[in-house]
C-alpha atoms as a PDB file:
ATOM      1  CA  MET A   1       4.887  27.962  26.073  1.00  0.00           C
ATOM      2  CA  SER A   2       3.705  24.932  27.745  1.00  0.00           C
ATOM      3  CA  GLU A   3       5.188  23.644  30.970  1.00  0.00           C
ATOM      4  CA  ASP A   4       4.246  19.978  30.150  1.00  0.00           C
ATOM      5  CA  VAL A   5       6.422  17.575  28.138  1.00  0.00           C
ATOM      6  CA  PRO A   6       4.798  17.005  24.680  1.00  0.00           C
ATOM      7  CA  THR A   7       3.914  13.419  23.978  1.00  0.00           C
ATOM      8  CA  GLU A   8       3.597  11.517  20.873  1.00  0.00           C
ATOM      9  CA  THR A   9      -0.278  11.743  20.944  1.00  0.00           C
ATOM     10  CA  GLU A  10      -0.313  15.661  21.254  1.00  0.00           C
ATOM     11  CA  ASP A  11      -1.151  17.676  18.197  1.00  0.00           C
ATOM     12  CA  GLN A  12       2.174  19.337  17.462  1.00  0.00           C
ATOM     13  CA  PRO A  13       3.239  21.075  14.070  1.00  0.00           C
ATOM     14  CA  THR A  14       5.644  18.474  13.057  1.00  0.00           C
ATOM     15  CA  SER A  15       5.325  18.587   9.113  1.00  0.00           C
ATOM     16  CA  VAL A  16       5.952  15.235   7.592  1.00  0.00           C
ATOM     17  CA  THR A  17       5.036  12.948  10.390  1.00  0.00           C
ATOM     18  CA  GLU A  18       1.241  12.477  10.261  1.00  0.00           C
ATOM     19  CA  VAL A  19       0.980  11.529   6.614  1.00  0.00           C
ATOM     20  CA  GLU A  20       4.199   9.530   6.863  1.00  0.00           C
ATOM     21  CA  THR A  21       2.768   7.453   9.654  1.00  0.00           C
ATOM     22  CA  ASN A  22      -0.560   6.829   7.913  1.00  0.00           C
ATOM     23  CA  ASN A  23       1.368   5.484   4.912  1.00  0.00           C
ATOM     24  CA  ASN A  24       3.630   3.311   6.726  1.00  0.00           C
ATOM     25  CA  LEU A  25       6.726   5.262   5.594  1.00  0.00           C
ATOM     26  CA  ASN A  26       8.340   5.094   9.116  1.00  0.00           C
ATOM     27  CA  ASP A  27       9.215   1.500   9.215  1.00  0.00           C
ATOM     28  CA  GLN A  28      12.796   1.880   8.046  1.00  0.00           C
ATOM     29  CA  PRO A  29      14.477   4.785   6.215  1.00  0.00           C
ATOM     30  CA  ARG A  30      15.553   3.565   2.491  1.00  0.00           C
ATOM     31  CA  ARG A  31      18.968   5.047   3.535  1.00  0.00           C
ATOM     32  CA  ASN A  32      20.411   6.659   6.637  1.00  0.00           C
ATOM     33  CA  ARG A  33      21.971   9.899   5.758  1.00  0.00           C
ATOM     34  CA  VAL A  34      23.088  10.784   9.431  1.00  0.00           C
ATOM     35  CA  ALA A  35      26.884  11.243   9.142  1.00  0.00           C
ATOM     36  CA  GLY A  36      27.511  10.188  12.602  1.00  0.00           C
ATOM     37  CA  THR A  37      27.477  11.508  16.123  1.00  0.00           C
ATOM     38  CA  ILE A  38      29.085  14.926  17.432  1.00  0.00           C
ATOM     39  CA  LEU A  39      29.714  16.816  20.439  1.00  0.00           C
ATOM     40  CA  TRP A  40      28.333  20.459  20.590  1.00  0.00           C
ATOM     41  CA  SER A  41      31.828  21.588  21.306  1.00  0.00           C
ATOM     42  CA  LYS A  42      33.005  20.084  17.978  1.00  0.00           C
ATOM     43  CA  ILE A  43      30.527  21.812  15.676  1.00  0.00           C
ATOM     44  CA  GLU A  44      32.397  24.448  13.678  1.00  0.00           C
ATOM     45  CA  GLY A  45      30.759  27.760  13.012  1.00  0.00           C
ATOM     46  CA  ASP A  46      30.528  31.203  14.252  1.00  0.00           C
ATOM     47  CA  ASP A  47      28.469  31.499  17.552  1.00  0.00           C
ATOM     48  CA  ASN A  48      26.327  34.350  16.034  1.00  0.00           C
ATOM     49  CA  GLU A  49      25.103  32.008  13.122  1.00  0.00           C
ATOM     50  CA  ARG A  50      21.205  31.631  13.171  1.00  0.00           C
ATOM     51  CA  VAL A  51      19.750  28.297  14.015  1.00  0.00           C
ATOM     52  CA  ALA A  52      16.127  27.216  13.404  1.00  0.00           C
ATOM     53  CA  VAL A  53      14.934  24.650  16.019  1.00  0.00           C
ATOM     54  CA  PHE A  54      12.086  22.665  14.635  1.00  0.00           C
ATOM     55  CA  PRO A  55       9.951  20.311  16.902  1.00  0.00           C
ATOM     56  CA  SER A  56       9.246  16.640  15.792  1.00  0.00           C
ATOM     57  CA  GLN A  57       7.814  13.590  17.253  1.00  0.00           C
ATOM     58  CA  GLU A  58       9.976  10.411  17.017  1.00  0.00           C
ATOM     59  CA  SER A  59       8.140   9.492  13.765  1.00  0.00           C
ATOM     60  CA  GLY A  60       9.602  12.572  11.999  1.00  0.00           C
ATOM     61  CA  VAL A  61      13.147  11.170  12.505  1.00  0.00           C
ATOM     62  CA  HIS A  62      12.558   8.781   9.664  1.00  0.00           C
ATOM     63  CA  PHE A  63      12.178  11.578   6.998  1.00  0.00           C
ATOM     64  CA  LEU A  64      15.141  13.537   8.604  1.00  0.00           C
ATOM     65  CA  LYS A  65      17.456  10.455   8.337  1.00  0.00           C
ATOM     66  CA  GLU A  66      16.200   9.173   4.955  1.00  0.00           C
ATOM     67  CA  ASN A  67      16.587  12.670   3.282  1.00  0.00           C
ATOM     68  CA  ALA A  68      19.223  14.743   5.229  1.00  0.00           C
ATOM     69  CA  ALA A  69      16.412  17.297   5.019  1.00  0.00           C
ATOM     70  CA  TRP A  70      13.406  18.687   6.763  1.00  0.00           C
ATOM     71  CA  GLY A  71      10.028  19.525   5.365  1.00  0.00           C
ATOM     72  CA  PHE A  72       7.280  20.673   4.693  1.00  0.00           C
ATOM     73  CA  VAL A  73       7.452  23.906   6.598  1.00  0.00           C
ATOM     74  CA  LYS A  74       6.953  27.576   6.197  1.00  0.00           C
ATOM     75  CA  VAL A  75       9.917  29.677   6.833  1.00  0.00           C
ATOM     76  CA  GLY A  76      10.353  33.391   6.660  1.00  0.00           C
ATOM     77  CA  GLN A  77      13.800  34.110   7.730  1.00  0.00           C
ATOM     78  CA  GLU A  78      17.156  32.917   6.680  1.00  0.00           C
ATOM     79  CA  PHE A  79      19.208  30.498   8.939  1.00  0.00           C
ATOM     80  CA  ASP A  80      22.498  28.669   8.656  1.00  0.00           C
ATOM     81  CA  TYR A  81      21.644  25.437  10.810  1.00  0.00           C
ATOM     82  CA  VAL A  82      18.735  23.376  11.691  1.00  0.00           C
ATOM     83  CA  ALA A  83      18.434  21.735  15.029  1.00  0.00           C
ATOM     84  CA  MET A  84      15.673  19.055  15.754  1.00  0.00           C
ATOM     85  CA  TYR A  85      14.002  18.952  19.123  1.00  0.00           C
ATOM     86  CA  ILE A  86      12.497  15.529  19.344  1.00  0.00           C
ATOM     87  CA  SER A  87       9.574  14.902  21.614  1.00  0.00           C
ATOM     88  CA  GLY A  88       8.987  11.451  23.328  1.00  0.00           C
ATOM     89  CA  ASP A  89      10.561   9.447  26.102  1.00  0.00           C
ATOM     90  CA  GLU A  90      13.706  11.385  25.812  1.00  0.00           C
ATOM     91  CA  SER A  91      12.613  14.987  24.818  1.00  0.00           C
ATOM     92  CA  GLU A  92      15.790  16.782  23.633  1.00  0.00           C
ATOM     93  CA  VAL A  93      17.429  18.632  20.858  1.00  0.00           C
ATOM     94  CA  ARG A  94      19.001  15.527  19.295  1.00  0.00           C
ATOM     95  CA  PHE A  95      20.025  16.510  15.712  1.00  0.00           C
ATOM     96  CA  ILE A  96      21.933  19.332  14.031  1.00  0.00           C
ATOM     97  CA  ALA A  97      22.810  20.057  10.323  1.00  0.00           C
ATOM     98  CA  GLU A  98      24.045  22.853   8.255  1.00  0.00           C
ATOM     99  CA  VAL A  99      21.702  24.376   5.692  1.00  0.00           C
ATOM    100  CA  ASP A 100      22.477  23.997   1.994  1.00  0.00           C
ATOM    101  CA  GLU A 101      19.310  25.354   0.591  1.00  0.00           C
ATOM    102  CA  VAL A 102      15.582  25.912   1.150  1.00  0.00           C
ATOM    103  CA  VAL A 103      13.617  24.801  -1.916  1.00  0.00           C
ATOM    104  CA  ASP A 104      10.073  24.229  -3.129  1.00  0.00           C
ATOM    105  CA  PRO A 105       8.907  20.543  -2.615  1.00  0.00           C
ATOM    106  CA  GLU A 106       9.046  19.593  -6.199  1.00  0.00           C
ATOM    107  CA  ASP A 107      12.809  20.857  -6.393  1.00  0.00           C
ATOM    108  CA  ALA A 108      13.840  18.817  -3.395  1.00  0.00           C
ATOM    109  CA  ASP A 109      15.910  15.656  -3.459  1.00  0.00           C
ATOM    110  CA  ILE A 110      13.780  13.461  -1.397  1.00  0.00           C
ATOM    111  CA  GLU A 111      13.731   9.642  -1.478  1.00  0.00           C
ATOM    112  CA  ARG A 112       9.994   9.171  -1.951  1.00  0.00           C
ATOM    113  CA  SER A 113       7.124  10.533  -4.022  1.00  0.00           C
ATOM    114  CA  LEU A 114       5.641  13.761  -3.038  1.00  0.00           C
ATOM    115  CA  ASP A 115       2.361  11.934  -3.176  1.00  0.00           C
ATOM    116  CA  ASN A 116       3.364  10.281   0.190  1.00  0.00           C
ATOM    117  CA  TYR A 117       3.191  13.600   1.948  1.00  0.00           C
ATOM    118  CA  GLU A 118       0.605  16.261   2.973  1.00  0.00           C
ATOM    119  CA  ILE A 119       2.104  19.437   1.532  1.00  0.00           C
ATOM    120  CA  GLY A 120       0.545  22.876   2.374  1.00  0.00           C
ATOM    121  CA  GLU A 121       0.632  26.083   0.139  1.00  0.00           C
ATOM    122  CA  ASN A 122       4.109  27.718   0.446  1.00  0.00           C
ATOM    123  CA  ASP A 123       5.619  24.784   2.190  1.00  0.00           C
ATOM    124  CA  ARG A 124       9.379  24.363   1.671  1.00  0.00           C
ATOM    125  CA  VAL A 125      12.018  21.720   2.116  1.00  0.00           C
ATOM    126  CA  ILE A 126      15.210  22.540   3.944  1.00  0.00           C
ATOM    127  CA  GLN A 127      18.084  20.431   2.403  1.00  0.00           C
ATOM    128  CA  PHE A 128      21.184  19.953   4.469  1.00  0.00           C
ATOM    129  CA  LYS A 129      24.793  20.188   3.227  1.00  0.00           C
ATOM    130  CA  GLU A 130      26.122  16.753   2.413  1.00  0.00           C
ATOM    131  CA  GLY A 131      27.626  14.971   5.460  1.00  0.00           C
ATOM    132  CA  SER A 132      26.354  17.677   7.881  1.00  0.00           C
ATOM    133  CA  LEU A 133      23.479  15.946   9.658  1.00  0.00           C
ATOM    134  CA  HIS A 134      24.670  14.639  12.979  1.00  0.00           C
ATOM    135  CA  GLU A 135      23.118  13.069  16.054  1.00  0.00           C
ATOM    136  CA  LEU A 136      24.338  14.863  19.232  1.00  0.00           C
ATOM    137  CA  GLU A 137      26.419  12.885  21.594  1.00  0.00           C
ATOM    138  CA  ASP A 138      25.268  15.577  24.265  1.00  0.00           C
ATOM    139  CA  PRO A 139      21.745  16.562  23.309  1.00  0.00           C
ATOM    140  CA  VAL A 140      20.012  19.337  25.045  1.00  0.00           C
ATOM    141  CA  PRO A 141      17.399  17.877  27.389  1.00  0.00           C
ATOM    142  CA  PHE A 142      14.040  19.204  27.982  1.00  0.00           C
ATOM    143  CA  GLU A 143      13.528  21.092  31.310  1.00  0.00           C
ATOM    144  CA  SER A 144      10.285  23.208  30.940  1.00  0.00           C
ATOM    145  CA  LYS A 145      10.376  25.093  27.524  1.00  0.00           C
ATOM    146  CA  TYR A 146      10.095  23.322  24.080  1.00  0.00           C
ATOM    147  CA  PRO A 147       9.416  24.742  20.682  1.00  0.00           C
ATOM    148  CA  GLN A 148       5.803  24.283  19.579  1.00  0.00           C
ATOM    149  CA  SER A 149       6.697  25.522  16.154  1.00  0.00           C
ATOM    150  CA  HIS A 150      10.131  26.308  14.827  1.00  0.00           C
ATOM    151  CA  ARG A 151      12.029  29.067  16.915  1.00  0.00           C
ATOM    152  CA  TYR A 152      15.260  30.848  16.244  1.00  0.00           C
ATOM    153  CA  THR A 153      18.339  30.883  18.308  1.00  0.00           C
ATOM    154  CA  THR A 154      22.105  31.129  17.707  1.00  0.00           C
ATOM    155  CA  LEU A 155      24.734  28.449  17.479  1.00  0.00           C
ATOM    156  CA  GLY A 156      26.487  29.922  20.569  1.00  0.00           C
ATOM    157  CA  GLU A 157      23.271  29.691  22.704  1.00  0.00           C
ATOM    158  CA  LEU A 158      22.730  26.068  21.742  1.00  0.00           C
ATOM    159  CA  LYS A 159      26.327  25.128  22.453  1.00  0.00           C
ATOM    160  CA  ASP A 160      26.135  26.658  25.990  1.00  0.00           C
ATOM    161  CA  ALA A 161      22.708  25.440  26.789  1.00  0.00           C
ATOM    162  CA  GLU A 162      22.394  22.897  29.540  1.00  0.00           C
ATOM    163  CA  THR A 163      18.709  22.576  28.958  1.00  0.00           C
ATOM    164  CA  THR A 164      16.018  23.625  26.430  1.00  0.00           C
ATOM    165  CA  ASP A 165      15.308  26.640  28.849  1.00  0.00           C
ATOM    166  CA  ASP A 166      18.711  28.041  28.086  1.00  0.00           C
ATOM    167  CA  MET A 167      18.060  28.320  24.429  1.00  0.00           C
ATOM    168  CA  LEU A 168      14.508  29.169  23.962  1.00  0.00           C
END
């Protein structure tokens, strides 16, 4: 774990963002599939449900909003939710979504051609349940820990976290 706040220029495993930026895909999403905003306390679900927390730069938010999905990542465990830690001016866990399924890229329901993305061997796409992608009204701010790659936690730990140190 690093003690420094990650910046847009640092090399982080953010999946879709590097190629997306190079292809000017992050100008405007073709559609915005964020269902709205939500407070942590209003998220229904058992406190023991597993959450995968993925890091992203601001540029990765475009893919997230456009597709109600996250990709192209390697995952080895099952999880019920995805939380997105966004680095930048306001480094924080800012989005939450319930997982529908994890699929191969060619089976994913994404807005743009796969040719627009850099896809590694065994990469997957995490598709979210319809209407479950929300921006948090009370995001979890960065303190001194942040995910450098995806990390697992529980919904209860996220709901109770005052900073990223409480959940990672």
